[in-house]
Amino acid sequence: MYKQFIRPILFLFDPENVHHFTFRLLTLKGKVPGFKAIVSSLFNYENTKLERTVFGITFKNPVGLAAGFDKDAKLIDELAAFGFGFIEIGTLTPKAQPGNDKPRLFRLPKDQAIINRMGFNNGGVAEAVERLKKRSSKIIVGGNIGKNKITPNENALDDYAYCFEQLYAHVDYFVINVSSPNTPGLRELQEKEPLRKLLSYVKGLSLAKSTPKPVLLKIAPDLTESQLNDVIEILKETNTDGIIATNTTISREGLSTSAAEVEAMGAGGLSGKPLTQRSTEVIAYLRKNFGPTYPIIAVGGIMTPQDAIDKLKAGADLIQVYTGFIYEGPSFVKRINKELIKIL
């Protein structure tokens, strides 16, 4: 029903406006007694065989919602009802910022893809913390953190540290985001020495707590093999707890959408089906070089249950969806989990 009737109507309108409309609708519906229970009964799929324990945390199933969908932790309880095993909020920055100029979100239906150049638009970490304090769901929540656009890279540590301290009591794990293509200069922090310094610092903040929380790194799909080797070396050196691969790509290769249309959309990160193969290749490379036990979360181009299975077979411990959730609809997580049961 979603793909036949609802999606065609939604896709007639500006994607960012549809996103905000959907959030307002879920917020209102979420206040209706019994709404979340009804949603859960329709879209939640429970089976103890789906449980996974990764970096010391037990997830009820391996399918999470990727960062960027609920940046400001506005719909944790409502989204939990759709059957996710975990939700990653953010990317959050110390100060609120509007992000890049609109329009900044574009659909490519022929490619089952999205281009975004949102630019870490969010209300600031303090607002998200206040919402997290009020949530009722016990779902696992990750905190994806970054730096403000106006913060120079030489001061980036301060931004990541501030977000870490603010979120520490309210999330289950942290993700260091240095891989978004939409904040000028951010990807420079993926270079060897800045990355080593950043991860060592945040990991040190965690270890200083009475109960350390896992710290993960999210990387881009556009890294070369040499750069991936550097990342692997640094993650081992700094005892970083895991990796998320991959963020959106700046590549535009192999698209069915016309070059003129793509050029008119402009810069931004591409997600969805065009990323499927590359992200799986990166997962397989990481698993081969990390060995069998290092925690890997796969994201990027998971558009079908088979894509999810392929990511897990390539070496991922958990997966995250975003663009696939938009194209496939609210039953997507349930469909993935029902297929996963068949191979467990």
Protein backbone atom coordinates (compact mmCIF):
# COMPACT_ATOMS: atom_id res chain seq x y z
CA MET A 1 0.00 0.00 0.00
CA TYR A 2 2.78 2.44 0.86
CA LYS A 3 4.67 2.01 -2.44
CA GLN A 4 1.52 1.87 -4.56
CA PHE A 5 -0.50 4.73 -3.05
CA ILE A 6 1.22 6.73 -0.31
CA ARG A 7 4.73 7.13 -1.70
CA PRO A 8 3.61 8.46 -5.12
CA ILE A 9 1.64 11.21 -3.36
CA LEU A 10 4.46 12.10 -0.98
CA PHE A 11 6.95 12.19 -3.85
CA LEU A 12 4.92 14.96 -5.51
CA PHE A 13 6.14 17.39 -2.86
CA ASP A 14 9.46 18.82 -1.74
CA PRO A 15 11.29 16.08 0.20
CA GLU A 16 12.32 18.25 3.14
CA ASN A 17 8.75 19.55 3.52
CA VAL A 18 7.48 15.96 3.44
CA HIS A 19 9.99 15.03 6.14
CA HIS A 20 8.77 17.80 8.43
CA PHE A 21 5.12 17.02 7.66
CA THR A 22 5.68 13.37 8.55
CA PHE A 23 7.35 14.36 11.81
CA ARG A 24 4.48 16.67 12.75
CA LEU A 25 1.96 13.95 11.92
CA LEU A 26 3.78 11.32 13.98
CA THR A 27 4.15 13.77 16.86
CA LEU A 28 0.41 14.44 16.89
CA LYS A 29 -0.55 10.80 16.42
CA GLY A 30 1.93 9.77 19.09
CA LYS A 31 -0.11 11.69 21.65
CA VAL A 32 -3.22 9.63 20.88
CA PRO A 33 -3.63 6.83 23.46
CA GLY A 34 -2.82 3.47 21.94
CA PHE A 35 -1.30 4.82 18.72
CA LYS A 36 2.22 3.55 19.37
CA ALA A 37 0.84 0.17 20.46
CA ILE A 38 -1.08 -0.14 17.18
CA VAL A 39 1.98 0.82 15.13
CA SER A 40 4.08 -1.67 17.08
CA SER A 41 1.57 -4.46 16.48
CA LEU A 42 1.69 -3.77 12.74
CA PHE A 43 5.41 -3.23 12.19
CA ASN A 44 7.34 -4.72 15.10
CA TYR A 45 8.75 -8.22 14.70
CA GLU A 46 10.08 -9.92 17.82
CA ASN A 47 12.24 -13.03 17.93
CA THR A 48 15.02 -13.77 20.39
CA LYS A 49 17.08 -15.26 17.53
CA LEU A 50 17.52 -11.72 16.22
CA GLU A 51 19.30 -10.50 19.35
CA ARG A 52 22.93 -9.47 19.00
CA THR A 53 25.44 -8.29 21.57
CA VAL A 54 27.93 -5.85 20.07
CA PHE A 55 30.50 -3.72 21.95
CA GLY A 56 28.87 -4.84 25.18
CA ILE A 57 25.33 -3.79 24.28
CA THR A 58 22.49 -6.21 23.54
CA PHE A 59 20.31 -5.19 20.59
CA LYS A 60 16.89 -6.83 20.21
CA ASN A 61 17.51 -7.02 16.45
CA PRO A 62 20.33 -5.85 14.17
CA VAL A 63 18.37 -3.27 12.15
CA GLY A 64 18.88 0.35 13.20
CA LEU A 65 17.79 3.75 11.95
CA ALA A 66 20.77 5.69 10.65
CA ALA A 67 21.74 9.16 11.81
CA GLY A 68 20.20 12.06 9.92
CA PHE A 69 16.58 10.91 10.04
CA ASP A 70 15.82 12.02 13.61
CA LYS A 71 18.66 14.47 14.10
CA ASP A 72 17.17 16.17 17.16
CA ALA A 73 15.72 13.15 18.99
CA LYS A 74 12.18 14.36 18.39
CA LEU A 75 10.58 10.98 17.64
CA ILE A 76 12.49 8.33 19.58
CA ASP A 77 9.37 6.74 21.09
CA GLU A 78 7.33 6.92 17.90
CA LEU A 79 10.09 5.52 15.68
CA ALA A 80 10.86 2.76 18.17
CA ALA A 81 7.37 1.40 17.47
CA PHE A 82 8.40 0.65 13.87
CA GLY A 83 10.56 -2.24 15.04
CA PHE A 84 14.07 -0.81 14.97
CA GLY A 85 16.68 -2.47 17.12
CA PHE A 86 18.34 0.89 17.73
CA ILE A 87 18.14 4.52 16.67
CA GLU A 88 21.04 6.86 16.01
CA ILE A 89 20.34 10.55 16.53
CA GLY A 90 22.31 13.46 15.13
CA THR A 91 24.56 14.61 13.79
CA LEU A 92 24.40 16.98 16.76
CA THR A 93 26.63 20.02 17.23
CA PRO A 94 27.28 22.17 20.32
CA LYS A 95 25.33 25.14 19.00
CA ALA A 96 22.16 25.13 16.95
CA GLN A 97 22.76 25.82 13.27
CA PRO A 98 20.41 26.14 10.29
CA GLY A 99 22.49 24.10 7.87
CA ASN A 100 22.95 24.92 4.21
CA ASP A 101 20.62 26.96 2.05
CA LYS A 102 17.47 25.34 0.69
CA PRO A 103 16.69 23.43 -1.45
CA ARG A 104 19.17 20.89 -0.07
CA LEU A 105 17.39 17.55 -0.31
CA PHE A 106 16.61 15.84 -3.62
CA ARG A 107 15.12 12.54 -4.73
CA LEU A 108 16.39 10.49 -7.65
CA PRO A 109 13.52 7.97 -8.09
CA LYS A 110 15.06 6.36 -11.18
CA ASP A 111 18.05 5.44 -9.04
CA GLN A 112 16.22 4.85 -5.74
CA ALA A 113 18.52 7.47 -4.30
CA ILE A 114 18.69 10.76 -2.45
CA ILE A 115 21.13 13.66 -2.62
CA ASN A 116 21.43 15.83 0.46
CA ARG A 117 23.57 18.75 1.49
CA MET A 118 21.80 19.46 4.77
CA GLY A 119 24.95 20.67 6.52
CA PHE A 120 24.39 19.39 10.07
CA ASN A 121 21.16 21.37 10.54
CA ASN A 122 20.08 20.78 14.14
CA GLY A 123 18.78 22.55 17.21
CA GLY A 124 21.95 21.99 19.20
CA VAL A 125 22.87 19.22 21.60
CA ALA A 126 21.21 20.80 24.67
CA GLU A 127 17.74 20.67 23.09
CA ALA A 128 18.20 17.03 22.14
CA VAL A 129 19.26 16.18 25.69
CA GLU A 130 16.05 17.67 27.08
CA ARG A 131 14.01 15.45 24.76
CA LEU A 132 16.04 12.37 25.61
CA LYS A 133 15.32 12.95 29.29
CA LYS A 134 11.60 12.65 28.59
CA ARG A 135 11.56 9.56 26.37
CA SER A 136 9.75 6.47 27.57
CA SER A 137 11.08 3.87 25.13
CA LYS A 138 13.99 1.69 26.23
CA ILE A 139 15.35 1.39 22.69
CA ILE A 140 19.13 1.62 22.27
CA VAL A 141 20.11 5.15 21.21
CA GLY A 142 23.39 6.22 19.64
CA GLY A 143 24.64 9.78 19.65
CA ASN A 144 26.24 10.94 16.40
CA ILE A 145 28.32 14.06 17.07
CA GLY A 146 30.11 16.63 14.95
CA LYS A 147 31.47 20.14 14.92
CA ASN A 148 29.75 23.41 14.13
CA LYS A 149 30.35 24.84 10.66
CA ILE A 150 31.96 27.98 12.11
CA THR A 151 34.38 26.00 14.27
CA PRO A 152 37.82 25.77 12.64
CA ASN A 153 39.29 22.29 12.43
CA GLU A 154 42.04 23.19 14.89
CA ASN A 155 39.32 23.68 17.53
CA ALA A 156 37.21 20.67 16.52
CA LEU A 157 38.16 18.69 19.63
CA ASP A 158 36.31 21.18 21.79
CA ASP A 159 33.07 20.68 19.85
CA TYR A 160 33.24 16.89 19.99
CA ALA A 161 34.12 16.98 23.69
CA TYR A 162 31.21 19.31 24.48
CA CYS A 163 28.71 17.07 22.68
CA PHE A 164 30.14 13.99 24.37
CA GLU A 165 29.80 15.44 27.85
CA GLN A 166 26.27 16.70 27.21
CA LEU A 167 25.04 13.39 25.79
CA TYR A 168 26.97 10.97 27.96
CA ALA A 169 24.17 10.18 30.43
CA HIS A 170 21.51 9.92 27.75
CA VAL A 171 22.84 7.72 24.92
CA ASP A 172 24.22 4.18 24.79
CA TYR A 173 27.10 4.73 22.35
CA PHE A 174 28.80 7.55 20.46
CA VAL A 175 29.64 8.03 16.79
CA ILE A 176 32.34 10.44 15.65
CA ASN A 177 31.22 11.91 12.33
CA VAL A 178 34.07 13.25 10.21
CA SER A 179 32.72 11.88 6.94
CA SER A 180 29.84 14.13 5.93
CA PRO A 181 30.61 15.91 2.63
CA ASN A 182 28.33 18.82 3.51
CA THR A 183 30.36 20.69 6.14
CA PRO A 184 33.35 22.49 4.58
CA GLY A 185 36.65 20.95 5.64
CA LEU A 186 35.09 18.24 7.81
CA ARG A 187 36.49 15.33 5.79
CA GLU A 188 39.99 16.70 6.40
CA LEU A 189 39.58 15.29 9.91
CA GLN A 190 39.66 11.81 8.32
CA GLU A 191 43.33 12.36 7.53
CA LYS A 192 45.70 10.26 9.57
CA GLU A 193 47.03 12.62 12.24
CA PRO A 194 43.86 14.68 12.88
CA LEU A 195 41.85 11.46 13.11
CA ARG A 196 44.28 9.83 15.53
CA LYS A 197 44.18 12.91 17.74
CA LEU A 198 40.39 13.18 17.69
CA LEU A 199 39.69 9.52 18.42
CA SER A 200 42.30 9.35 21.17
CA TYR A 201 40.77 12.39 22.81
CA VAL A 202 37.15 11.25 22.75
CA LYS A 203 38.08 7.71 23.73
CA GLY A 204 39.98 9.20 26.66
CA LEU A 205 36.89 11.12 27.73
CA SER A 206 34.91 7.89 27.75
CA LEU A 207 37.54 5.93 29.68
CA ALA A 208 37.59 8.66 32.32
CA LYS A 209 33.96 7.90 33.17
CA SER A 210 33.02 5.33 35.80
CA THR A 211 31.09 3.50 33.07
CA PRO A 212 32.79 4.05 29.70
CA LYS A 213 30.54 4.03 26.66
CA PRO A 214 31.50 2.73 23.23
CA VAL A 215 33.00 5.21 20.77
CA LEU A 216 32.67 4.48 17.05
CA LEU A 217 33.89 6.18 13.89
CA LYS A 218 31.73 6.77 10.80
CA ILE A 219 33.65 6.80 7.54
CA ALA A 220 33.00 7.83 3.94
CA PRO A 221 32.72 5.34 1.07
CA ASP A 222 35.12 7.44 -0.99
CA LEU A 223 38.27 6.48 0.93
CA THR A 224 41.03 4.79 -1.03
CA GLU A 225 42.47 1.45 0.06
CA SER A 226 45.47 3.29 1.50
CA GLN A 227 43.19 5.59 3.48
CA LEU A 228 41.16 2.63 4.73
CA ASN A 229 44.39 1.03 5.91
CA ASP A 230 45.23 4.20 7.82
CA VAL A 231 41.78 4.18 9.43
CA ILE A 232 42.16 0.54 10.47
CA GLU A 233 45.58 1.25 11.97
CA ILE A 234 44.29 4.27 13.92
CA LEU A 235 41.20 2.50 15.23
CA LYS A 236 43.39 -0.29 16.57
CA GLU A 237 45.90 2.16 18.06
CA THR A 238 43.26 4.22 19.83
CA ASN A 239 41.15 1.23 20.95
CA THR A 240 38.12 2.78 19.27
CA ASP A 241 35.19 0.43 19.84
CA GLY A 242 33.79 0.07 16.34
CA ILE A 243 33.25 1.51 12.89
CA ILE A 244 30.21 2.54 10.82
CA ALA A 245 30.60 2.20 7.07
CA THR A 246 29.58 4.09 5.08
CA ASN A 247 28.31 7.66 4.94
CA THR A 248 27.04 9.21 1.70
CA THR A 249 29.23 9.44 -1.40
CA ILE A 250 30.28 12.41 -3.50
CA SER A 251 30.46 10.13 -6.56
CA ARG A 252 27.83 10.43 -9.30
CA GLU A 253 28.94 7.44 -11.37
CA GLY A 254 26.46 5.08 -12.97
CA LEU A 255 23.26 7.05 -12.33
CA SER A 256 20.15 6.58 -14.48
CA THR A 257 18.99 10.11 -13.72
CA SER A 258 20.14 12.44 -16.48
CA ALA A 259 23.41 14.29 -15.99
CA ALA A 260 21.58 17.61 -16.44
CA GLU A 261 19.14 16.80 -13.62
CA VAL A 262 21.93 15.68 -11.33
CA GLU A 263 23.99 18.77 -12.10
CA ALA A 264 20.99 20.99 -11.37
CA MET A 265 20.68 19.40 -7.93
CA GLY A 266 24.23 20.46 -7.17
CA ALA A 267 26.65 19.27 -4.52
CA GLY A 268 25.82 16.89 -1.69
CA GLY A 269 26.09 13.33 -0.48
CA LEU A 270 24.41 10.58 -2.50
CA SER A 271 22.67 7.74 -0.66
CA GLY A 272 20.53 4.80 -1.66
CA LYS A 273 20.89 2.05 -4.24
CA PRO A 274 23.93 3.52 -6.07
CA LEU A 275 25.87 3.06 -2.84
CA THR A 276 24.94 -0.59 -2.30
CA GLN A 277 27.91 -2.26 -3.95
CA ARG A 278 30.59 0.15 -2.73
CA SER A 279 29.47 0.08 0.89
CA THR A 280 29.41 -3.74 0.84
CA GLU A 281 32.93 -3.77 -0.62
CA VAL A 282 34.13 -1.52 2.20
CA ILE A 283 32.48 -3.75 4.81
CA ALA A 284 34.16 -6.83 3.35
CA TYR A 285 37.54 -5.08 3.27
CA LEU A 286 37.20 -3.94 6.87
CA ARG A 287 36.20 -7.40 8.06
CA LYS A 288 39.11 -9.02 6.25
CA ASN A 289 41.60 -6.61 7.80
CA PHE A 290 40.08 -6.27 11.27
CA GLY A 291 39.53 -9.98 11.81
CA PRO A 292 36.38 -11.73 12.99
CA THR A 293 35.51 -9.86 16.18
CA TYR A 294 35.86 -6.11 15.59
CA PRO A 295 32.40 -4.41 15.66
CA ILE A 296 31.22 -3.16 12.26
CA ILE A 297 27.90 -1.43 11.53
CA ALA A 298 26.90 -1.36 7.86
CA VAL A 299 24.94 1.48 6.32
CA GLY A 300 24.55 2.58 2.73
CA GLY A 301 22.36 1.23 -0.04
CA ILE A 302 20.26 -1.21 1.98
CA MET A 303 17.15 -1.11 -0.19
CA THR A 304 15.94 -4.73 0.12
CA PRO A 305 16.08 -7.48 2.74
CA GLN A 306 18.66 -9.21 0.53
CA ASP A 307 20.88 -6.12 0.70
CA ALA A 308 20.75 -6.40 4.49
CA ILE A 309 21.68 -10.08 4.34
CA ASP A 310 24.56 -9.27 1.97
CA LYS A 311 25.93 -6.69 4.41
CA LEU A 312 25.83 -9.16 7.27
CA LYS A 313 27.44 -11.87 5.15
CA ALA A 314 30.17 -9.39 4.17
CA GLY A 315 31.01 -9.02 7.83
CA ALA A 316 28.70 -6.49 9.46
CA ASP A 317 27.42 -7.11 12.98
CA LEU A 318 24.57 -4.60 12.71
CA ILE A 319 22.99 -2.61 9.89
CA GLN A 320 21.32 0.78 9.56
CA VAL A 321 18.75 2.02 7.06
CA TYR A 322 17.67 5.49 5.97
CA THR A 323 17.01 5.91 2.25
CA GLY A 324 15.61 2.39 2.05
CA PHE A 325 13.15 3.26 4.81
CA ILE A 326 11.95 6.24 2.77
CA TYR A 327 11.58 4.27 -0.47
CA GLU A 328 10.23 1.04 1.03
CA GLY A 329 8.04 2.40 3.80
CA PRO A 330 7.17 1.56 7.41
CA SER A 331 7.12 -2.24 6.95
CA PHE A 332 10.75 -2.31 5.77
CA VAL A 333 12.33 -3.16 9.13
CA LYS A 334 9.85 -5.98 9.74
CA ARG A 335 10.49 -7.40 6.28
CA ILE A 336 14.25 -7.40 6.85
CA ASN A 337 13.98 -9.09 10.23
CA LYS A 338 11.62 -11.78 8.90
CA GLU A 339 14.13 -12.60 6.17
CA LEU A 340 17.03 -12.62 8.62
CA ILE A 341 15.28 -15.27 10.72
CA LYS A 342 15.41 -17.61 7.72
CA ILE A 343 19.21 -17.56 7.64
CA LEU A 344 19.90 -17.64 11.39
